[in-house]
């Protein structure tokens, strides 16, 4: 990490809002693979370059890729990059995402998130991740794409530093269930080693 003795360097972490075209392509690929992978990859590369430029315009010194290569949420993308989990429908009344004050305050958001309409971008709150086998990292291709897209975006700009954000192992795949390891600690250790 770079140090500065003359001013505080600025950065942020978190998933940034994806452009509508990128979301449409992600949906098309996730919902039965009907999308064009080459079109998606070009849009992703261009979108990462644009989000890097926008961070610089906002005064961010240490930029990131906006987590655009992680097509789901910041914590659930690991499901696409590790083995050992299976997704199961959440049993009626057992949805951990169906509770809380946010459900009341942000009804429109949740309706869009889960609504089964053309704006729905994720079904993560309708499924639970269950560990049923050893956790191993399988996402080297996706990781290399993330690295390549960020490096490409950095070629034409000047920044202090750049990084790829990742979820901490203990918060990756929240509300996960464990049917393989002896306890939660062993599962977190396995996720740590894999990620």
N, C-alpha and C. Protein backbone atom coordinates (compact mmCIF):
# COMPACT_ATOMS: atom_id res chain seq x y z
N UNK A 1 0.84 -1.17 0.00
CA UNK A 1 0.00 0.00 0.00
C UNK A 1 0.88 1.23 0.00
N UNK A 2 0.52 2.17 -0.81
CA UNK A 2 1.28 3.40 -0.94
C UNK A 2 0.99 4.33 0.24
N UNK A 3 2.01 5.00 0.72
CA UNK A 3 1.87 5.99 1.80
C UNK A 3 2.06 7.38 1.23
N UNK A 4 1.43 8.32 1.87
CA UNK A 4 1.57 9.71 1.47
C UNK A 4 1.87 10.54 2.70
N UNK A 5 2.89 11.39 2.61
CA UNK A 5 3.23 12.23 3.76
C UNK A 5 2.72 13.66 3.58
N UNK A 6 2.15 13.97 2.40
CA UNK A 6 1.69 15.34 2.17
C UNK A 6 0.16 15.47 2.14
N UNK A 7 -0.58 14.38 2.00
CA UNK A 7 -2.04 14.43 2.07
C UNK A 7 -2.60 13.02 2.24
N UNK A 8 -3.84 12.95 2.61
CA UNK A 8 -4.51 11.66 2.77
C UNK A 8 -4.98 11.19 1.40
N UNK A 9 -4.57 9.99 1.01
CA UNK A 9 -5.02 9.42 -0.25
C UNK A 9 -6.44 8.87 -0.07
N UNK A 10 -7.28 9.06 -1.07
CA UNK A 10 -8.66 8.62 -0.98
C UNK A 10 -8.91 7.35 -1.76
N UNK A 11 -9.80 6.53 -1.24
CA UNK A 11 -10.23 5.31 -1.92
C UNK A 11 -11.62 4.97 -1.42
N UNK A 12 -12.11 3.85 -1.83
CA UNK A 12 -13.40 3.35 -1.37
C UNK A 12 -13.43 1.85 -1.64
N UNK A 13 -14.34 1.19 -1.02
CA UNK A 13 -14.61 -0.20 -1.35
C UNK A 13 -16.10 -0.34 -1.53
N UNK A 14 -16.48 -1.28 -2.33
CA UNK A 14 -17.90 -1.52 -2.53
C UNK A 14 -18.22 -1.65 -4.00
N UNK A 15 -19.31 -2.30 -4.22
CA UNK A 15 -19.79 -2.52 -5.57
C UNK A 15 -20.44 -1.24 -6.08
N UNK A 16 -20.00 -0.77 -7.23
CA UNK A 16 -20.57 0.44 -7.82
C UNK A 16 -21.70 0.06 -8.77
N UNK A 17 -22.55 1.01 -9.05
CA UNK A 17 -23.72 0.77 -9.90
C UNK A 17 -23.26 0.42 -11.30
N UNK A 18 -23.73 -0.70 -11.79
CA UNK A 18 -23.35 -1.17 -13.12
C UNK A 18 -24.19 -0.45 -14.18
N UNK A 19 -23.61 -0.19 -15.34
CA UNK A 19 -24.37 0.42 -16.43
C UNK A 19 -25.51 -0.51 -16.87
N UNK A 20 -26.63 0.07 -17.31
CA UNK A 20 -27.78 -0.76 -17.72
C UNK A 20 -27.43 -1.80 -18.79
N UNK A 21 -26.61 -1.44 -19.78
CA UNK A 21 -26.27 -2.39 -20.83
C UNK A 21 -25.52 -3.59 -20.26
N UNK A 22 -24.61 -3.36 -19.31
CA UNK A 22 -23.88 -4.45 -18.69
C UNK A 22 -24.83 -5.36 -17.92
N UNK A 23 -25.77 -4.77 -17.18
CA UNK A 23 -26.75 -5.57 -16.44
C UNK A 23 -27.59 -6.43 -17.38
N UNK A 24 -28.00 -5.86 -18.51
CA UNK A 24 -28.79 -6.63 -19.47
C UNK A 24 -28.01 -7.84 -19.99
N UNK A 25 -26.74 -7.63 -20.28
CA UNK A 25 -25.91 -8.73 -20.79
C UNK A 25 -25.67 -9.79 -19.71
N UNK A 26 -25.47 -9.36 -18.47
CA UNK A 26 -25.30 -10.31 -17.36
C UNK A 26 -26.56 -11.15 -17.21
N UNK A 27 -27.72 -10.49 -17.23
CA UNK A 27 -29.00 -11.21 -17.12
C UNK A 27 -29.15 -12.24 -18.22
N UNK A 28 -28.82 -11.83 -19.45
CA UNK A 28 -28.97 -12.73 -20.58
C UNK A 28 -28.07 -13.97 -20.43
N UNK A 29 -26.86 -13.77 -19.94
CA UNK A 29 -25.96 -14.91 -19.77
C UNK A 29 -26.36 -15.77 -18.58
N UNK A 30 -26.82 -15.14 -17.50
CA UNK A 30 -27.20 -15.89 -16.30
C UNK A 30 -28.52 -16.64 -16.47
N UNK A 31 -29.41 -16.12 -17.30
CA UNK A 31 -30.72 -16.74 -17.47
C UNK A 31 -30.75 -17.63 -18.70
N UNK A 32 -29.98 -18.68 -18.65
CA UNK A 32 -30.01 -19.65 -19.73
C UNK A 32 -28.94 -19.48 -20.78
N UNK A 33 -28.02 -18.56 -20.57
CA UNK A 33 -26.89 -18.44 -21.48
C UNK A 33 -27.25 -17.97 -22.87
N UNK A 34 -28.29 -17.14 -23.02
CA UNK A 34 -28.72 -16.69 -24.34
C UNK A 34 -27.93 -15.49 -24.85
N UNK A 35 -27.04 -14.95 -24.03
CA UNK A 35 -26.29 -13.77 -24.42
C UNK A 35 -25.03 -14.12 -25.20
N UNK A 36 -24.48 -13.12 -25.86
CA UNK A 36 -23.25 -13.24 -26.63
C UNK A 36 -22.08 -12.93 -25.70
N UNK A 37 -21.24 -13.91 -25.44
CA UNK A 37 -20.13 -13.76 -24.50
C UNK A 37 -19.16 -12.68 -24.97
N UNK A 38 -18.88 -12.62 -26.26
CA UNK A 38 -17.94 -11.61 -26.77
C UNK A 38 -18.48 -10.20 -26.57
N UNK A 39 -19.77 -10.02 -26.79
CA UNK A 39 -20.39 -8.70 -26.58
C UNK A 39 -20.32 -8.34 -25.10
N UNK A 40 -20.62 -9.32 -24.24
CA UNK A 40 -20.54 -9.09 -22.80
C UNK A 40 -19.12 -8.70 -22.38
N UNK A 41 -18.12 -9.45 -22.83
CA UNK A 41 -16.73 -9.18 -22.43
C UNK A 41 -16.27 -7.80 -22.90
N UNK A 42 -16.66 -7.39 -24.10
CA UNK A 42 -16.31 -6.05 -24.60
C UNK A 42 -17.00 -4.98 -23.76
N UNK A 43 -18.28 -5.20 -23.44
CA UNK A 43 -19.02 -4.24 -22.62
C UNK A 43 -18.40 -4.17 -21.22
N UNK A 44 -18.01 -5.30 -20.66
CA UNK A 44 -17.39 -5.32 -19.34
C UNK A 44 -16.07 -4.55 -19.34
N UNK A 45 -15.23 -4.79 -20.34
CA UNK A 45 -13.95 -4.08 -20.45
C UNK A 45 -14.19 -2.57 -20.56
N UNK A 46 -15.12 -2.18 -21.41
CA UNK A 46 -15.42 -0.75 -21.58
C UNK A 46 -16.01 -0.15 -20.30
N UNK A 47 -16.86 -0.91 -19.63
CA UNK A 47 -17.51 -0.42 -18.40
C UNK A 47 -16.50 -0.24 -17.28
N UNK A 48 -15.54 -1.14 -17.17
CA UNK A 48 -14.50 -1.00 -16.14
C UNK A 48 -13.66 0.23 -16.44
N UNK A 49 -13.31 0.44 -17.71
CA UNK A 49 -12.53 1.64 -18.07
C UNK A 49 -13.31 2.90 -17.70
N UNK A 50 -14.60 2.92 -17.97
CA UNK A 50 -15.41 4.09 -17.67
C UNK A 50 -15.54 4.31 -16.16
N UNK A 51 -15.73 3.24 -15.38
CA UNK A 51 -15.87 3.43 -13.93
C UNK A 51 -14.55 3.87 -13.31
N UNK A 52 -13.44 3.46 -13.87
CA UNK A 52 -12.13 3.95 -13.39
C UNK A 52 -12.01 5.44 -13.70
N UNK A 53 -12.37 5.85 -14.90
CA UNK A 53 -12.32 7.27 -15.26
C UNK A 53 -13.23 8.10 -14.34
N UNK A 54 -14.40 7.58 -14.05
CA UNK A 54 -15.34 8.33 -13.20
C UNK A 54 -14.82 8.46 -11.77
N UNK A 55 -14.14 7.43 -11.28
CA UNK A 55 -13.54 7.53 -9.94
C UNK A 55 -12.47 8.62 -9.93
N UNK A 56 -11.67 8.66 -10.97
CA UNK A 56 -10.62 9.68 -11.06
C UNK A 56 -11.26 11.07 -11.12
N UNK A 57 -12.31 11.22 -11.91
CA UNK A 57 -13.01 12.51 -12.01
C UNK A 57 -13.58 12.92 -10.65
N UNK A 58 -13.95 11.95 -9.83
CA UNK A 58 -14.51 12.24 -8.50
C UNK A 58 -13.42 12.53 -7.47
N UNK A 59 -12.15 12.39 -7.86
CA UNK A 59 -11.04 12.69 -6.95
C UNK A 59 -10.51 11.50 -6.18
N UNK A 60 -10.87 10.29 -6.58
CA UNK A 60 -10.37 9.08 -5.92
C UNK A 60 -8.93 8.83 -6.38
N UNK A 61 -8.03 8.64 -5.41
CA UNK A 61 -6.62 8.39 -5.73
C UNK A 61 -6.34 6.91 -6.00
N UNK A 62 -6.97 6.05 -5.24
CA UNK A 62 -6.74 4.60 -5.33
C UNK A 62 -8.04 3.97 -5.81
N UNK A 63 -8.08 3.63 -7.09
CA UNK A 63 -9.32 3.20 -7.74
C UNK A 63 -9.44 1.69 -7.76
N UNK A 64 -10.65 1.23 -8.13
CA UNK A 64 -10.87 -0.20 -8.33
C UNK A 64 -11.80 -0.40 -9.53
N UNK A 65 -12.14 -1.63 -9.79
CA UNK A 65 -12.94 -1.97 -10.97
C UNK A 65 -14.45 -1.87 -10.73
N UNK A 66 -14.87 -1.35 -9.59
CA UNK A 66 -16.28 -1.24 -9.28
C UNK A 66 -16.94 -2.58 -9.01
N UNK A 67 -16.14 -3.63 -8.99
CA UNK A 67 -16.61 -5.01 -8.84
C UNK A 67 -17.51 -5.42 -10.00
N UNK A 68 -17.30 -4.82 -11.17
CA UNK A 68 -18.15 -5.10 -12.32
C UNK A 68 -18.03 -6.54 -12.82
N UNK A 69 -16.89 -7.17 -12.62
CA UNK A 69 -16.72 -8.55 -13.06
C UNK A 69 -17.42 -9.56 -12.17
N UNK A 70 -17.88 -9.11 -11.04
CA UNK A 70 -18.62 -9.98 -10.11
C UNK A 70 -20.10 -9.75 -10.39
N UNK A 71 -20.68 -10.63 -11.16
CA UNK A 71 -22.02 -10.36 -11.69
C UNK A 71 -23.12 -10.37 -10.65
N UNK A 72 -22.87 -10.93 -9.48
CA UNK A 72 -23.89 -10.91 -8.44
C UNK A 72 -23.47 -9.90 -7.38
N UNK A 73 -23.83 -10.13 -6.16
CA UNK A 73 -23.53 -9.19 -5.09
C UNK A 73 -22.09 -9.31 -4.63
N UNK A 74 -21.66 -8.34 -3.84
CA UNK A 74 -20.27 -8.28 -3.36
C UNK A 74 -19.90 -9.53 -2.56
N UNK A 75 -20.85 -10.11 -1.85
CA UNK A 75 -20.52 -11.24 -0.99
C UNK A 75 -20.85 -12.59 -1.62
N UNK A 76 -21.71 -12.59 -2.62
CA UNK A 76 -22.15 -13.87 -3.18
C UNK A 76 -21.42 -14.26 -4.47
N UNK A 77 -20.58 -13.36 -4.99
CA UNK A 77 -19.86 -13.73 -6.21
C UNK A 77 -18.98 -14.96 -5.98
N UNK A 78 -18.59 -15.18 -4.74
CA UNK A 78 -17.73 -16.33 -4.43
C UNK A 78 -18.39 -17.65 -4.83
N UNK A 79 -19.71 -17.69 -4.83
CA UNK A 79 -20.41 -18.91 -5.25
C UNK A 79 -20.05 -19.30 -6.68
N UNK A 80 -19.73 -18.31 -7.50
CA UNK A 80 -19.36 -18.60 -8.88
C UNK A 80 -17.88 -18.91 -9.03
N UNK A 81 -17.13 -18.76 -7.93
CA UNK A 81 -15.68 -18.92 -8.03
C UNK A 81 -15.12 -19.98 -7.09
N UNK A 82 -15.98 -20.66 -6.37
CA UNK A 82 -15.54 -21.78 -5.53
C UNK A 82 -16.46 -22.96 -5.77
N UNK A 83 -15.92 -24.14 -5.54
CA UNK A 83 -16.75 -25.35 -5.59
C UNK A 83 -17.12 -25.74 -4.17
N UNK A 84 -18.01 -26.69 -4.05
CA UNK A 84 -18.39 -27.21 -2.74
C UNK A 84 -19.75 -26.76 -2.27
N UNK A 85 -20.40 -25.85 -3.00
CA UNK A 85 -21.71 -25.34 -2.60
C UNK A 85 -22.76 -25.72 -3.64
N UNK A 86 -23.95 -25.93 -3.17
CA UNK A 86 -25.08 -26.05 -4.08
C UNK A 86 -26.15 -25.06 -3.64
N UNK A 87 -26.90 -24.56 -4.62
CA UNK A 87 -27.98 -23.63 -4.33
C UNK A 87 -29.29 -24.40 -4.25
N UNK A 88 -30.04 -24.11 -3.20
CA UNK A 88 -31.34 -24.75 -3.00
C UNK A 88 -32.38 -23.66 -2.78
N UNK A 89 -33.61 -23.92 -3.22
CA UNK A 89 -34.67 -22.94 -2.94
C UNK A 89 -34.83 -22.77 -1.43
N UNK A 90 -35.06 -21.53 -1.03
CA UNK A 90 -35.29 -21.27 0.38
C UNK A 90 -36.67 -21.81 0.75
N UNK A 91 -36.74 -22.53 1.85
CA UNK A 91 -38.01 -23.09 2.29
C UNK A 91 -38.95 -21.96 2.72
N UNK A 92 -40.25 -22.11 2.50
CA UNK A 92 -41.20 -21.06 2.91
C UNK A 92 -41.02 -20.70 4.38
N UNK A 93 -40.93 -19.39 4.63
CA UNK A 93 -40.78 -18.90 5.99
C UNK A 93 -39.36 -18.91 6.51
N UNK A 94 -38.40 -19.45 5.73
CA UNK A 94 -37.02 -19.56 6.21
C UNK A 94 -36.07 -18.59 5.51
N UNK A 95 -36.59 -17.69 4.70
CA UNK A 95 -35.74 -16.77 3.95
C UNK A 95 -35.13 -15.73 4.90
N UNK A 96 -33.80 -15.77 5.10
CA UNK A 96 -33.17 -14.82 6.02
C UNK A 96 -33.25 -13.39 5.51
N UNK A 97 -33.49 -13.22 4.20
CA UNK A 97 -33.56 -11.88 3.62
C UNK A 97 -34.98 -11.30 3.69
N UNK A 98 -35.95 -12.09 4.14
CA UNK A 98 -37.34 -11.64 4.14
C UNK A 98 -37.71 -10.85 5.38
N UNK A 99 -36.79 -10.65 6.27
CA UNK A 99 -37.06 -9.96 7.52
C UNK A 99 -36.32 -8.63 7.56
N UNK A 100 -36.73 -7.78 8.47
CA UNK A 100 -35.98 -6.57 8.76
C UNK A 100 -36.66 -5.29 8.32
N UNK A 101 -36.20 -4.22 8.93
CA UNK A 101 -36.75 -2.89 8.65
C UNK A 101 -36.50 -2.47 7.20
N UNK A 102 -35.39 -2.92 6.62
CA UNK A 102 -35.10 -2.55 5.23
C UNK A 102 -36.20 -3.02 4.29
N UNK A 103 -36.80 -4.16 4.58
CA UNK A 103 -37.89 -4.68 3.75
C UNK A 103 -39.05 -3.69 3.68
N UNK A 104 -39.34 -3.05 4.78
CA UNK A 104 -40.42 -2.07 4.83
C UNK A 104 -40.00 -0.75 4.17
N UNK A 105 -38.82 -0.29 4.50
CA UNK A 105 -38.37 1.03 4.01
C UNK A 105 -38.06 1.02 2.52
N UNK A 106 -37.61 -0.11 1.98
CA UNK A 106 -37.17 -0.16 0.59
C UNK A 106 -37.93 -1.22 -0.20
N UNK A 107 -39.26 -1.19 -0.09
CA UNK A 107 -40.11 -2.18 -0.77
C UNK A 107 -39.88 -2.20 -2.27
N UNK A 108 -39.74 -1.04 -2.88
CA UNK A 108 -39.55 -0.98 -4.34
C UNK A 108 -38.25 -1.65 -4.76
N UNK A 109 -37.20 -1.43 -3.98
CA UNK A 109 -35.92 -2.07 -4.29
C UNK A 109 -36.06 -3.59 -4.27
N UNK A 110 -36.65 -4.11 -3.20
CA UNK A 110 -36.78 -5.57 -3.09
C UNK A 110 -37.71 -6.13 -4.15
N UNK A 111 -38.74 -5.39 -4.53
CA UNK A 111 -39.61 -5.85 -5.60
C UNK A 111 -38.84 -5.98 -6.91
N UNK A 112 -37.95 -5.01 -7.18
CA UNK A 112 -37.13 -5.09 -8.39
C UNK A 112 -36.10 -6.20 -8.29
N UNK A 113 -35.47 -6.31 -7.12
CA UNK A 113 -34.42 -7.31 -6.92
C UNK A 113 -34.95 -8.72 -7.13
N UNK A 114 -36.15 -8.99 -6.65
CA UNK A 114 -36.68 -10.36 -6.64
C UNK A 114 -37.89 -10.56 -7.52
N UNK A 115 -38.31 -9.54 -8.22
CA UNK A 115 -39.62 -9.53 -8.85
C UNK A 115 -39.88 -10.46 -10.00
N UNK A 116 -38.88 -11.09 -10.57
CA UNK A 116 -39.14 -11.95 -11.71
C UNK A 116 -39.59 -11.17 -12.94
N UNK A 117 -39.15 -9.93 -13.06
CA UNK A 117 -39.51 -9.12 -14.21
C UNK A 117 -38.25 -8.81 -15.01
N UNK A 118 -38.39 -8.00 -16.05
CA UNK A 118 -37.23 -7.73 -16.90
C UNK A 118 -36.17 -6.88 -16.22
N UNK A 119 -36.47 -6.30 -15.05
CA UNK A 119 -35.48 -5.52 -14.32
C UNK A 119 -34.82 -6.34 -13.22
N UNK A 120 -35.32 -7.54 -12.94
CA UNK A 120 -34.74 -8.38 -11.90
C UNK A 120 -33.30 -8.71 -12.28
N UNK A 121 -32.37 -8.52 -11.38
CA UNK A 121 -30.96 -8.78 -11.70
C UNK A 121 -30.36 -9.87 -10.83
N UNK A 122 -31.10 -10.40 -9.89
CA UNK A 122 -30.52 -11.39 -9.00
C UNK A 122 -31.61 -12.24 -8.38
N UNK A 123 -31.30 -13.51 -8.14
CA UNK A 123 -32.23 -14.36 -7.40
C UNK A 123 -31.59 -14.84 -6.10
N UNK A 124 -30.58 -14.11 -5.65
CA UNK A 124 -29.81 -14.57 -4.50
C UNK A 124 -30.61 -14.62 -3.22
N UNK A 125 -31.68 -13.84 -3.11
CA UNK A 125 -32.46 -13.87 -1.88
C UNK A 125 -33.51 -14.97 -1.90
N UNK A 126 -33.60 -15.71 -2.99
CA UNK A 126 -34.58 -16.78 -3.09
C UNK A 126 -33.94 -18.16 -3.01
N UNK A 127 -32.65 -18.20 -2.84
CA UNK A 127 -31.92 -19.47 -2.76
C UNK A 127 -30.96 -19.41 -1.58
N UNK A 128 -30.64 -20.58 -1.05
CA UNK A 128 -29.63 -20.63 0.00
C UNK A 128 -28.46 -21.46 -0.49
N UNK A 129 -27.28 -21.06 -0.06
CA UNK A 129 -26.06 -21.77 -0.43
C UNK A 129 -25.74 -22.78 0.67
N UNK A 130 -25.58 -24.03 0.25
CA UNK A 130 -25.31 -25.10 1.21
C UNK A 130 -23.98 -25.74 0.84
N UNK A 131 -23.05 -25.77 1.79
CA UNK A 131 -21.75 -26.43 1.57
C UNK A 131 -21.96 -27.93 1.69
N UNK A 132 -21.66 -28.66 0.60
CA UNK A 132 -21.89 -30.10 0.56
C UNK A 132 -20.63 -30.89 0.19
N UNK A 133 -19.52 -30.16 -0.05
CA UNK A 133 -18.28 -30.82 -0.48
C UNK A 133 -17.11 -29.90 -0.12
N UNK A 134 -15.88 -30.36 -0.29
CA UNK A 134 -14.72 -29.51 0.01
C UNK A 134 -14.76 -28.21 -0.80
N UNK A 135 -14.41 -27.12 -0.16
CA UNK A 135 -14.38 -25.82 -0.83
C UNK A 135 -13.03 -25.66 -1.53
N UNK A 136 -13.07 -25.43 -2.82
CA UNK A 136 -11.87 -25.23 -3.63
C UNK A 136 -12.09 -24.04 -4.55
N UNK A 137 -11.03 -23.29 -4.84
CA UNK A 137 -11.14 -22.15 -5.74
C UNK A 137 -11.19 -22.65 -7.18
N UNK A 138 -12.18 -22.19 -7.94
CA UNK A 138 -12.35 -22.59 -9.33
C UNK A 138 -12.43 -21.39 -10.27
N UNK A 139 -12.22 -20.19 -9.76
CA UNK A 139 -12.48 -18.98 -10.53
C UNK A 139 -11.27 -18.31 -11.13
N UNK A 140 -10.23 -19.06 -11.46
CA UNK A 140 -9.02 -18.42 -11.99
C UNK A 140 -9.27 -17.68 -13.30
N UNK A 141 -10.13 -18.22 -14.14
CA UNK A 141 -10.43 -17.54 -15.42
C UNK A 141 -11.12 -16.21 -15.16
N UNK A 142 -12.12 -16.20 -14.28
CA UNK A 142 -12.83 -14.96 -13.96
C UNK A 142 -11.88 -13.96 -13.29
N UNK A 143 -11.03 -14.45 -12.38
CA UNK A 143 -10.07 -13.58 -11.72
C UNK A 143 -9.12 -12.95 -12.74
N UNK A 144 -8.63 -13.74 -13.68
CA UNK A 144 -7.73 -13.20 -14.71
C UNK A 144 -8.44 -12.14 -15.55
N UNK A 145 -9.73 -12.37 -15.86
CA UNK A 145 -10.49 -11.35 -16.59
C UNK A 145 -10.57 -10.05 -15.78
N UNK A 146 -10.82 -10.18 -14.47
CA UNK A 146 -10.87 -8.98 -13.61
C UNK A 146 -9.54 -8.23 -13.64
N UNK A 147 -8.45 -8.97 -13.51
CA UNK A 147 -7.11 -8.37 -13.54
C UNK A 147 -6.85 -7.70 -14.88
N UNK A 148 -7.14 -8.40 -15.96
CA UNK A 148 -6.90 -7.86 -17.30
C UNK A 148 -7.73 -6.61 -17.56
N UNK A 149 -9.00 -6.62 -17.15
CA UNK A 149 -9.86 -5.45 -17.37
C UNK A 149 -9.38 -4.24 -16.58
N UNK A 150 -8.96 -4.45 -15.34
CA UNK A 150 -8.47 -3.33 -14.55
C UNK A 150 -7.16 -2.81 -15.12
N UNK A 151 -6.25 -3.69 -15.49
CA UNK A 151 -4.98 -3.24 -16.08
C UNK A 151 -5.23 -2.47 -17.37
N UNK A 152 -6.15 -2.95 -18.18
CA UNK A 152 -6.48 -2.26 -19.42
C UNK A 152 -7.02 -0.87 -19.14
N UNK A 153 -7.88 -0.75 -18.14
CA UNK A 153 -8.44 0.55 -17.77
C UNK A 153 -7.37 1.50 -17.26
N UNK A 154 -6.34 0.96 -16.64
CA UNK A 154 -5.28 1.80 -16.07
C UNK A 154 -4.26 2.26 -17.10
N UNK A 155 -4.27 1.63 -18.27
CA UNK A 155 -3.28 1.98 -19.30
C UNK A 155 -3.34 3.44 -19.74
N UNK A 156 -4.53 4.02 -19.74
CA UNK A 156 -4.66 5.38 -20.29
C UNK A 156 -4.93 6.44 -19.23
N UNK A 157 -4.73 6.09 -17.96
CA UNK A 157 -4.98 7.06 -16.88
C UNK A 157 -3.80 7.06 -15.91
N UNK A 158 -3.81 8.05 -15.03
CA UNK A 158 -2.77 8.13 -14.01
C UNK A 158 -3.44 8.14 -12.65
N UNK A 159 -3.10 7.15 -11.82
CA UNK A 159 -3.64 7.04 -10.47
C UNK A 159 -2.50 6.68 -9.52
N UNK A 160 -2.74 6.91 -8.25
CA UNK A 160 -1.73 6.54 -7.24
C UNK A 160 -1.58 5.02 -7.16
N UNK A 161 -2.72 4.33 -7.10
CA UNK A 161 -2.74 2.87 -7.01
C UNK A 161 -4.10 2.37 -7.47
N UNK A 162 -4.21 1.05 -7.61
CA UNK A 162 -5.48 0.42 -7.94
C UNK A 162 -5.52 -0.95 -7.27
N UNK A 163 -6.73 -1.44 -7.07
CA UNK A 163 -6.87 -2.76 -6.45
C UNK A 163 -8.19 -3.39 -6.87
N UNK A 164 -8.28 -4.70 -6.66
CA UNK A 164 -9.52 -5.44 -6.86
C UNK A 164 -10.11 -5.77 -5.49
N UNK A 165 -11.29 -5.25 -5.17
CA UNK A 165 -11.89 -5.57 -3.87
C UNK A 165 -12.37 -7.02 -3.84
N UNK A 166 -12.31 -7.60 -2.67
CA UNK A 166 -12.81 -8.96 -2.46
C UNK A 166 -13.56 -9.02 -1.14
N UNK A 167 -14.45 -9.97 -1.03
CA UNK A 167 -15.17 -10.16 0.23
C UNK A 167 -14.27 -10.91 1.20
N UNK A 168 -14.32 -10.53 2.46
CA UNK A 168 -13.59 -11.26 3.49
C UNK A 168 -14.18 -12.67 3.61
N UNK A 169 -13.37 -13.67 3.84
CA UNK A 169 -13.89 -15.04 3.91
C UNK A 169 -15.05 -15.22 4.89
N UNK A 170 -15.02 -14.51 6.00
CA UNK A 170 -16.11 -14.68 6.97
C UNK A 170 -17.41 -14.04 6.50
N UNK A 171 -17.33 -13.10 5.53
CA UNK A 171 -18.57 -12.51 5.02
C UNK A 171 -18.93 -12.99 3.62
N UNK A 172 -18.06 -13.77 3.01
CA UNK A 172 -18.39 -14.35 1.71
C UNK A 172 -19.50 -15.38 1.91
N UNK A 173 -20.46 -15.35 1.02
CA UNK A 173 -21.59 -16.27 1.05
C UNK A 173 -22.29 -16.20 2.41
N UNK A 174 -22.86 -15.04 2.74
CA UNK A 174 -23.53 -14.90 4.04
C UNK A 174 -24.73 -15.83 4.13
N UNK A 175 -25.12 -16.15 5.33
CA UNK A 175 -26.27 -17.04 5.59
C UNK A 175 -26.09 -18.41 4.96
N UNK A 176 -24.85 -18.81 4.76
CA UNK A 176 -24.58 -20.13 4.18
C UNK A 176 -24.95 -21.20 5.19
N UNK A 177 -25.23 -22.37 4.66
CA UNK A 177 -25.49 -23.55 5.49
C UNK A 177 -24.32 -24.50 5.29
N UNK A 178 -24.04 -25.30 6.31
CA UNK A 178 -22.91 -26.21 6.26
C UNK A 178 -23.39 -27.63 6.51
N UNK A 179 -23.19 -28.47 5.50
CA UNK A 179 -23.50 -29.90 5.65
C UNK A 179 -22.26 -30.76 5.43
N UNK A 180 -21.10 -30.14 5.30
CA UNK A 180 -19.90 -30.90 5.00
C UNK A 180 -18.86 -30.84 6.11
N UNK A 181 -18.50 -29.63 6.53
CA UNK A 181 -17.45 -29.48 7.55
C UNK A 181 -18.02 -29.72 8.95
N UNK A 182 -17.13 -30.06 9.89
CA UNK A 182 -17.58 -30.37 11.25
C UNK A 182 -18.24 -29.19 11.94
N UNK A 183 -17.80 -27.96 11.59
CA UNK A 183 -18.38 -26.78 12.22
C UNK A 183 -18.14 -25.56 11.33
N UNK A 184 -18.71 -24.43 11.73
CA UNK A 184 -18.60 -23.19 10.96
C UNK A 184 -17.15 -22.73 10.85
N UNK A 185 -16.39 -22.90 11.90
CA UNK A 185 -14.99 -22.47 11.87
C UNK A 185 -14.21 -23.20 10.78
N UNK A 186 -14.42 -24.50 10.66
CA UNK A 186 -13.73 -25.26 9.60
C UNK A 186 -14.15 -24.77 8.22
N UNK A 187 -15.42 -24.43 8.07
CA UNK A 187 -15.89 -23.90 6.79
C UNK A 187 -15.24 -22.55 6.48
N UNK A 188 -15.15 -21.67 7.46
CA UNK A 188 -14.51 -20.37 7.24
C UNK A 188 -13.04 -20.55 6.91
N UNK A 189 -12.36 -21.47 7.57
CA UNK A 189 -10.95 -21.75 7.26
C UNK A 189 -10.83 -22.25 5.80
N UNK A 190 -11.73 -23.12 5.38
CA UNK A 190 -11.69 -23.62 4.02
C UNK A 190 -11.94 -22.49 3.01
N UNK A 191 -12.90 -21.62 3.32
CA UNK A 191 -13.14 -20.46 2.45
C UNK A 191 -11.92 -19.54 2.40
N UNK A 192 -11.28 -19.35 3.55
CA UNK A 192 -10.08 -18.51 3.62
C UNK A 192 -8.99 -19.08 2.73
N UNK A 193 -8.75 -20.37 2.84
CA UNK A 193 -7.72 -20.99 2.02
C UNK A 193 -8.06 -20.95 0.54
N UNK A 194 -9.33 -21.11 0.21
CA UNK A 194 -9.74 -21.09 -1.19
C UNK A 194 -9.67 -19.69 -1.79
N UNK A 195 -10.15 -18.70 -1.03
CA UNK A 195 -10.17 -17.35 -1.57
C UNK A 195 -8.82 -16.68 -1.49
